[in-house]
Amino acid sequence: MVPVTHVARIVVASVLHPPSPSSSSPTLPVCHVTNHPRITFNAYTAALSTYGYSVPSVPYAEWRSKAESYVERATDEGGEEWALMPLYEMATTDMDVNCRARALDDANAAAALRADVDATGEDVSGGAGVTEEIVGRYLAWLVAVGFMGKPEGKGERELPRVELGGEQREAMRKVGGRGKGSA
């Protein structure tokens, strides 16, 4: 999970200050987009609770079993599409051993960002990790577009306000996986 402003900053910095090919890799090097600090799954679920969602902490094996049952039941019953289906295999195996989301080498992106700071004197990507506040904005948007319901309870913080225009709502109705066309 990376804030879009950070992604945009890396793209711009990498274009303005591209990394040089090395002797071992004569093609243009890749600038992997990552964020620092990376948000952990536990921090993410804690943020959900902060905004009023009931997210009990359960052992991973129990969560995995419940996720498997949910997907199998929905599939058997011809139920609604599960938005995270592409992650199903990764999430229902031993993530420590089989996790496909390995840490990427972001040295080229970091170098481009440093070069940009040197050139502009401004670090607009500093502290680019996903914070509890940013999670709140993401949740508010998901609620506004009808992808998920409002929090069941009162949290320590309220979700930020997100307003969508009629054209935005209509566009979101046409995108799959959001309650069969309702937003």
C-alpha atoms as a PDB file:
ATOM      1  CA  MET A   1       0.000   0.000   0.000  1.00  0.00           C
ATOM      2  CA  VAL A   2       1.556   3.241  -1.176  1.00  0.00           C
ATOM      3  CA  PRO A   3       0.011   6.726  -1.189  1.00  0.00           C
ATOM      4  CA  VAL A   4      -0.659   7.842  -4.760  1.00  0.00           C
ATOM      5  CA  THR A   5       1.154  11.122  -4.134  1.00  0.00           C
ATOM      6  CA  HIS A   6       4.310   9.151  -3.369  1.00  0.00           C
ATOM      7  CA  VAL A   7       3.880   7.020  -6.519  1.00  0.00           C
ATOM      8  CA  ALA A   8       3.537  10.175  -8.608  1.00  0.00           C
ATOM      9  CA  ARG A   9       6.606  11.714  -6.956  1.00  0.00           C
ATOM     10  CA  ILE A  10       8.719   8.620  -7.718  1.00  0.00           C
ATOM     11  CA  VAL A  11       7.569   8.644 -11.348  1.00  0.00           C
ATOM     12  CA  VAL A  12       8.473  12.318 -11.760  1.00  0.00           C
ATOM     13  CA  ALA A  13      11.785  12.011  -9.897  1.00  0.00           C
ATOM     14  CA  SER A  14      12.729   8.912 -11.922  1.00  0.00           C
ATOM     15  CA  VAL A  15      12.011  10.704 -15.189  1.00  0.00           C
ATOM     16  CA  LEU A  16      13.980  13.802 -14.160  1.00  0.00           C
ATOM     17  CA  HIS A  17      16.826  11.819 -12.546  1.00  0.00           C
ATOM     18  CA  PRO A  18      16.879   8.353 -14.159  1.00  0.00           C
ATOM     19  CA  PRO A  19      19.242   5.752 -12.744  1.00  0.00           C
ATOM     20  CA  SER A  20      22.179   4.809 -14.954  1.00  0.00           C
ATOM     21  CA  PRO A  21      22.539   1.335 -16.418  1.00  0.00           C
ATOM     22  CA  SER A  22      25.307  -0.710 -14.821  1.00  0.00           C
ATOM     23  CA  SER A  23      27.808  -3.061 -16.456  1.00  0.00           C
ATOM     24  CA  SER A  24      25.850  -6.035 -15.111  1.00  0.00           C
ATOM     25  CA  SER A  25      22.550  -4.626 -16.421  1.00  0.00           C
ATOM     26  CA  PRO A  26      23.002  -2.544 -19.591  1.00  0.00           C
ATOM     27  CA  THR A  27      19.262  -1.856 -19.901  1.00  0.00           C
ATOM     28  CA  LEU A  28      17.571   0.985 -18.065  1.00  0.00           C
ATOM     29  CA  PRO A  29      17.205  -0.031 -14.394  1.00  0.00           C
ATOM     30  CA  VAL A  30      13.828  -0.398 -12.709  1.00  0.00           C
ATOM     31  CA  CYS A  31      12.603   2.023 -10.043  1.00  0.00           C
ATOM     32  CA  HIS A  32      10.504  -0.119  -7.712  1.00  0.00           C
ATOM     33  CA  VAL A  33       7.833   1.859  -5.880  1.00  0.00           C
ATOM     34  CA  THR A  34       7.731   1.146  -2.157  1.00  0.00           C
ATOM     35  CA  ASN A  35       6.884   3.144   0.920  1.00  0.00           C
ATOM     36  CA  HIS A  36       8.700   3.662   4.193  1.00  0.00           C
ATOM     37  CA  PRO A  37       7.764   2.797   6.755  1.00  0.00           C
ATOM     38  CA  ARG A  38       5.704  -0.083   5.397  1.00  0.00           C
ATOM     39  CA  ILE A  39       2.373  -0.579   7.123  1.00  0.00           C
ATOM     40  CA  THR A  40       1.913  -3.971   8.735  1.00  0.00           C
ATOM     41  CA  PHE A  41      -1.316  -5.930   8.532  1.00  0.00           C
ATOM     42  CA  ASN A  42      -1.728  -5.544  12.298  1.00  0.00           C
ATOM     43  CA  ALA A  43      -1.348  -1.748  12.038  1.00  0.00           C
ATOM     44  CA  TYR A  44      -3.900  -1.698   9.219  1.00  0.00           C
ATOM     45  CA  THR A  45      -6.481  -3.680  11.192  1.00  0.00           C
ATOM     46  CA  ALA A  46      -5.819  -1.469  14.224  1.00  0.00           C
ATOM     47  CA  ALA A  47      -6.618   1.551  12.033  1.00  0.00           C
ATOM     48  CA  LEU A  48      -9.916  -0.093  11.044  1.00  0.00           C
ATOM     49  CA  SER A  49     -10.800  -0.337  14.736  1.00  0.00           C
ATOM     50  CA  THR A  50      -9.796   3.297  15.264  1.00  0.00           C
ATOM     51  CA  TYR A  51     -12.479   4.313  12.745  1.00  0.00           C
ATOM     52  CA  GLY A  52     -15.218   2.186  14.344  1.00  0.00           C
ATOM     53  CA  TYR A  53     -15.014  -1.099  12.458  1.00  0.00           C
ATOM     54  CA  SER A  54     -15.193  -4.228  14.578  1.00  0.00           C
ATOM     55  CA  VAL A  55     -12.059  -6.157  13.688  1.00  0.00           C
ATOM     56  CA  PRO A  56     -11.277  -8.788  16.295  1.00  0.00           C
ATOM     57  CA  SER A  57      -7.690  -9.953  16.525  1.00  0.00           C
ATOM     58  CA  VAL A  58      -7.506 -13.679  15.842  1.00  0.00           C
ATOM     59  CA  PRO A  59      -4.609 -16.054  15.223  1.00  0.00           C
ATOM     60  CA  TYR A  60      -3.569 -16.224  11.568  1.00  0.00           C
ATOM     61  CA  ALA A  61      -4.524 -19.904  11.181  1.00  0.00           C
ATOM     62  CA  GLU A  62      -8.082 -19.141  12.369  1.00  0.00           C
ATOM     63  CA  TRP A  63      -8.378 -16.137  10.025  1.00  0.00           C
ATOM     64  CA  ARG A  64      -7.100 -18.206   7.092  1.00  0.00           C
ATOM     65  CA  SER A  65      -9.633 -20.961   7.818  1.00  0.00           C
ATOM     66  CA  LYS A  66     -12.495 -18.441   7.954  1.00  0.00           C
ATOM     67  CA  ALA A  67     -11.345 -16.807   4.690  1.00  0.00           C
ATOM     68  CA  GLU A  68     -11.241 -20.210   2.968  1.00  0.00           C
ATOM     69  CA  SER A  69     -14.724 -21.091   4.236  1.00  0.00           C
ATOM     70  CA  TYR A  70     -16.142 -17.740   3.141  1.00  0.00           C
ATOM     71  CA  VAL A  71     -14.792 -18.008  -0.400  1.00  0.00           C
ATOM     72  CA  GLU A  72     -15.812 -21.661  -0.772  1.00  0.00           C
ATOM     73  CA  ARG A  73     -19.327 -20.965   0.537  1.00  0.00           C
ATOM     74  CA  ALA A  74     -19.787 -17.933  -1.717  1.00  0.00           C
ATOM     75  CA  THR A  75     -18.528 -19.921  -4.718  1.00  0.00           C
ATOM     76  CA  ASP A  76     -20.730 -22.947  -3.964  1.00  0.00           C
ATOM     77  CA  GLU A  77     -23.800 -20.784  -3.461  1.00  0.00           C
ATOM     78  CA  GLY A  78     -23.195 -18.661  -6.562  1.00  0.00           C
ATOM     79  CA  GLY A  79     -22.620 -15.709  -4.253  1.00  0.00           C
ATOM     80  CA  GLU A  80     -21.169 -12.314  -4.857  1.00  0.00           C
ATOM     81  CA  GLU A  81     -17.672 -11.948  -6.241  1.00  0.00           C
ATOM     82  CA  TRP A  82     -14.979 -11.586  -3.564  1.00  0.00           C
ATOM     83  CA  ALA A  83     -12.972  -8.442  -4.248  1.00  0.00           C
ATOM     84  CA  LEU A  84      -9.747  -9.914  -2.909  1.00  0.00           C
ATOM     85  CA  MET A  85      -9.979 -13.140  -4.930  1.00  0.00           C
ATOM     86  CA  PRO A  86      -6.648 -12.485  -6.701  1.00  0.00           C
ATOM     87  CA  LEU A  87      -4.970 -12.604  -3.262  1.00  0.00           C
ATOM     88  CA  TYR A  88      -6.810 -15.744  -2.121  1.00  0.00           C
ATOM     89  CA  GLU A  89      -4.003 -18.215  -2.772  1.00  0.00           C
ATOM     90  CA  MET A  90      -1.389 -16.026  -1.107  1.00  0.00           C
ATOM     91  CA  ALA A  91      -3.606 -15.276   1.893  1.00  0.00           C
ATOM     92  CA  THR A  92      -4.648 -18.880   2.492  1.00  0.00           C
ATOM     93  CA  THR A  93      -1.169 -20.380   2.497  1.00  0.00           C
ATOM     94  CA  ASP A  94       1.623 -19.976   5.013  1.00  0.00           C
ATOM     95  CA  MET A  95       2.487 -16.337   4.277  1.00  0.00           C
ATOM     96  CA  ASP A  96       5.871 -16.543   5.996  1.00  0.00           C
ATOM     97  CA  VAL A  97       7.018 -19.281   3.627  1.00  0.00           C
ATOM     98  CA  ASN A  98       4.939 -18.737   0.500  1.00  0.00           C
ATOM     99  CA  CYS A  99       4.354 -14.989   0.484  1.00  0.00           C
ATOM    100  CA  ARG A 100       4.861 -13.655  -3.028  1.00  0.00           C
ATOM    101  CA  ALA A 101       5.072 -10.034  -1.945  1.00  0.00           C
ATOM    102  CA  ARG A 102       8.790  -9.943  -1.210  1.00  0.00           C
ATOM    103  CA  ALA A 103      10.501  -6.681  -0.338  1.00  0.00           C
ATOM    104  CA  LEU A 104      11.590  -4.938  -3.523  1.00  0.00           C
ATOM    105  CA  ASP A 105      14.938  -3.252  -4.031  1.00  0.00           C
ATOM    106  CA  ASP A 106      13.931   0.386  -4.166  1.00  0.00           C
ATOM    107  CA  ALA A 107      17.485   1.784  -4.264  1.00  0.00           C
ATOM    108  CA  ASN A 108      16.968   3.317  -7.738  1.00  0.00           C
ATOM    109  CA  ALA A 109      13.755   5.073  -6.703  1.00  0.00           C
ATOM    110  CA  ALA A 110      15.400   6.289  -3.478  1.00  0.00           C
ATOM    111  CA  ALA A 111      18.368   7.618  -5.475  1.00  0.00           C
ATOM    112  CA  ALA A 112      16.020   9.456  -7.862  1.00  0.00           C
ATOM    113  CA  LEU A 113      14.171  11.001  -4.909  1.00  0.00           C
ATOM    114  CA  ARG A 114      17.465  12.081  -3.293  1.00  0.00           C
ATOM    115  CA  ALA A 115      18.640  13.601  -6.589  1.00  0.00           C
ATOM    116  CA  ASP A 116      15.349  15.461  -6.812  1.00  0.00           C
ATOM    117  CA  VAL A 117      15.759  16.818  -3.278  1.00  0.00           C
ATOM    118  CA  ASP A 118      19.292  17.942  -4.177  1.00  0.00           C
ATOM    119  CA  ALA A 119      17.988  19.686  -7.305  1.00  0.00           C
ATOM    120  CA  THR A 120      14.906  21.320  -5.773  1.00  0.00           C
ATOM    121  CA  GLY A 121      15.788  21.630  -2.095  1.00  0.00           C
ATOM    122  CA  GLU A 122      12.351  20.205  -1.265  1.00  0.00           C
ATOM    123  CA  ASP A 123      11.527  16.695  -0.011  1.00  0.00           C
ATOM    124  CA  VAL A 124       7.893  16.295  -1.011  1.00  0.00           C
ATOM    125  CA  SER A 125       7.992  12.517  -0.527  1.00  0.00           C
ATOM    126  CA  GLY A 126       9.398  12.528   2.996  1.00  0.00           C
ATOM    127  CA  GLY A 127       7.449  10.265   5.339  1.00  0.00           C
ATOM    128  CA  ALA A 128       5.617   8.603   2.465  1.00  0.00           C
ATOM    129  CA  GLY A 129       4.342   5.631   4.421  1.00  0.00           C
ATOM    130  CA  VAL A 130       0.656   4.875   4.847  1.00  0.00           C
ATOM    131  CA  THR A 131      -0.534   6.301   8.144  1.00  0.00           C
ATOM    132  CA  GLU A 132      -3.668   5.785  10.197  1.00  0.00           C
ATOM    133  CA  GLU A 133      -4.986   9.073   8.761  1.00  0.00           C
ATOM    134  CA  ILE A 134      -4.418   7.893   5.187  1.00  0.00           C
ATOM    135  CA  VAL A 135      -6.137   4.568   5.962  1.00  0.00           C
ATOM    136  CA  GLY A 136      -9.091   6.664   7.176  1.00  0.00           C
ATOM    137  CA  ARG A 137      -9.201   8.511   3.843  1.00  0.00           C
ATOM    138  CA  TYR A 138      -9.083   5.225   1.933  1.00  0.00           C
ATOM    139  CA  LEU A 139     -11.889   3.787   4.080  1.00  0.00           C
ATOM    140  CA  ALA A 140     -14.002   6.915   3.622  1.00  0.00           C
ATOM    141  CA  TRP A 141     -13.643   6.658  -0.145  1.00  0.00           C
ATOM    142  CA  LEU A 142     -14.551   2.944  -0.128  1.00  0.00           C
ATOM    143  CA  VAL A 143     -17.677   3.784   1.881  1.00  0.00           C
ATOM    144  CA  ALA A 144     -18.571   6.691  -0.433  1.00  0.00           C
ATOM    145  CA  VAL A 145     -18.385   4.517  -3.560  1.00  0.00           C
ATOM    146  CA  GLY A 146     -20.416   1.740  -1.921  1.00  0.00           C
ATOM    147  CA  PHE A 147     -17.612  -0.816  -1.798  1.00  0.00           C
ATOM    148  CA  MET A 148     -18.011  -1.257   1.961  1.00  0.00           C
ATOM    149  CA  GLY A 149     -20.441  -0.219   4.648  1.00  0.00           C
ATOM    150  CA  LYS A 150     -20.052   2.485   7.246  1.00  0.00           C
ATOM    151  CA  PRO A 151     -18.435   1.550  10.567  1.00  0.00           C
ATOM    152  CA  GLU A 152     -20.713  -0.405  12.878  1.00  0.00           C
ATOM    153  CA  GLY A 153     -19.588   1.433  15.980  1.00  0.00           C
ATOM    154  CA  LYS A 154     -18.069   4.663  17.175  1.00  0.00           C
ATOM    155  CA  GLY A 155     -14.310   4.711  16.947  1.00  0.00           C
ATOM    156  CA  GLU A 156     -11.683   7.004  18.384  1.00  0.00           C
ATOM    157  CA  ARG A 157     -11.823   8.939  15.098  1.00  0.00           C
ATOM    158  CA  GLU A 158     -14.537   9.615  12.554  1.00  0.00           C
ATOM    159  CA  LEU A 159     -14.028   8.811   8.906  1.00  0.00           C
ATOM    160  CA  PRO A 160     -13.156  11.897   6.870  1.00  0.00           C
ATOM    161  CA  ARG A 161     -15.912  13.268   4.690  1.00  0.00           C
ATOM    162  CA  VAL A 162     -15.828  12.279   1.006  1.00  0.00           C
ATOM    163  CA  GLU A 163     -18.220  13.815  -1.472  1.00  0.00           C
ATOM    164  CA  LEU A 164     -18.816  12.265  -4.868  1.00  0.00           C
ATOM    165  CA  GLY A 165     -20.583  14.005  -7.709  1.00  0.00           C
ATOM    166  CA  GLY A 166     -23.282  12.342  -9.790  1.00  0.00           C
ATOM    167  CA  GLU A 167     -20.869  11.640 -12.634  1.00  0.00           C
ATOM    168  CA  GLN A 168     -18.417   9.951 -10.249  1.00  0.00           C
ATOM    169  CA  ARG A 169     -21.164   7.820  -8.721  1.00  0.00           C
ATOM    170  CA  GLU A 170     -22.395   6.785 -12.171  1.00  0.00           C
ATOM    171  CA  ALA A 171     -18.867   5.799 -13.201  1.00  0.00           C
ATOM    172  CA  MET A 172     -18.475   3.713 -10.049  1.00  0.00           C
ATOM    173  CA  ARG A 173     -21.785   1.909 -10.722  1.00  0.00           C
ATOM    174  CA  LYS A 174     -20.271   0.586 -13.946  1.00  0.00           C
ATOM    175  CA  VAL A 175     -17.267  -0.981 -12.213  1.00  0.00           C
ATOM    176  CA  GLY A 176     -17.648  -4.633 -11.167  1.00  0.00           C
ATOM    177  CA  GLY A 177     -17.337  -6.042  -7.669  1.00  0.00           C
ATOM    178  CA  ARG A 178     -19.334  -3.315  -5.914  1.00  0.00           C
ATOM    179  CA  GLY A 179     -22.596  -4.988  -5.029  1.00  0.00           C
ATOM    180  CA  LYS A 180     -23.793  -5.747  -8.559  1.00  0.00           C
ATOM    181  CA  GLY A 181     -23.900  -2.190  -9.838  1.00  0.00           C
ATOM    182  CA  SER A 182     -25.094  -0.291  -6.791  1.00  0.00           C
ATOM    183  CA  ALA A 183     -22.978   2.501  -5.367  1.00  0.00           C
END
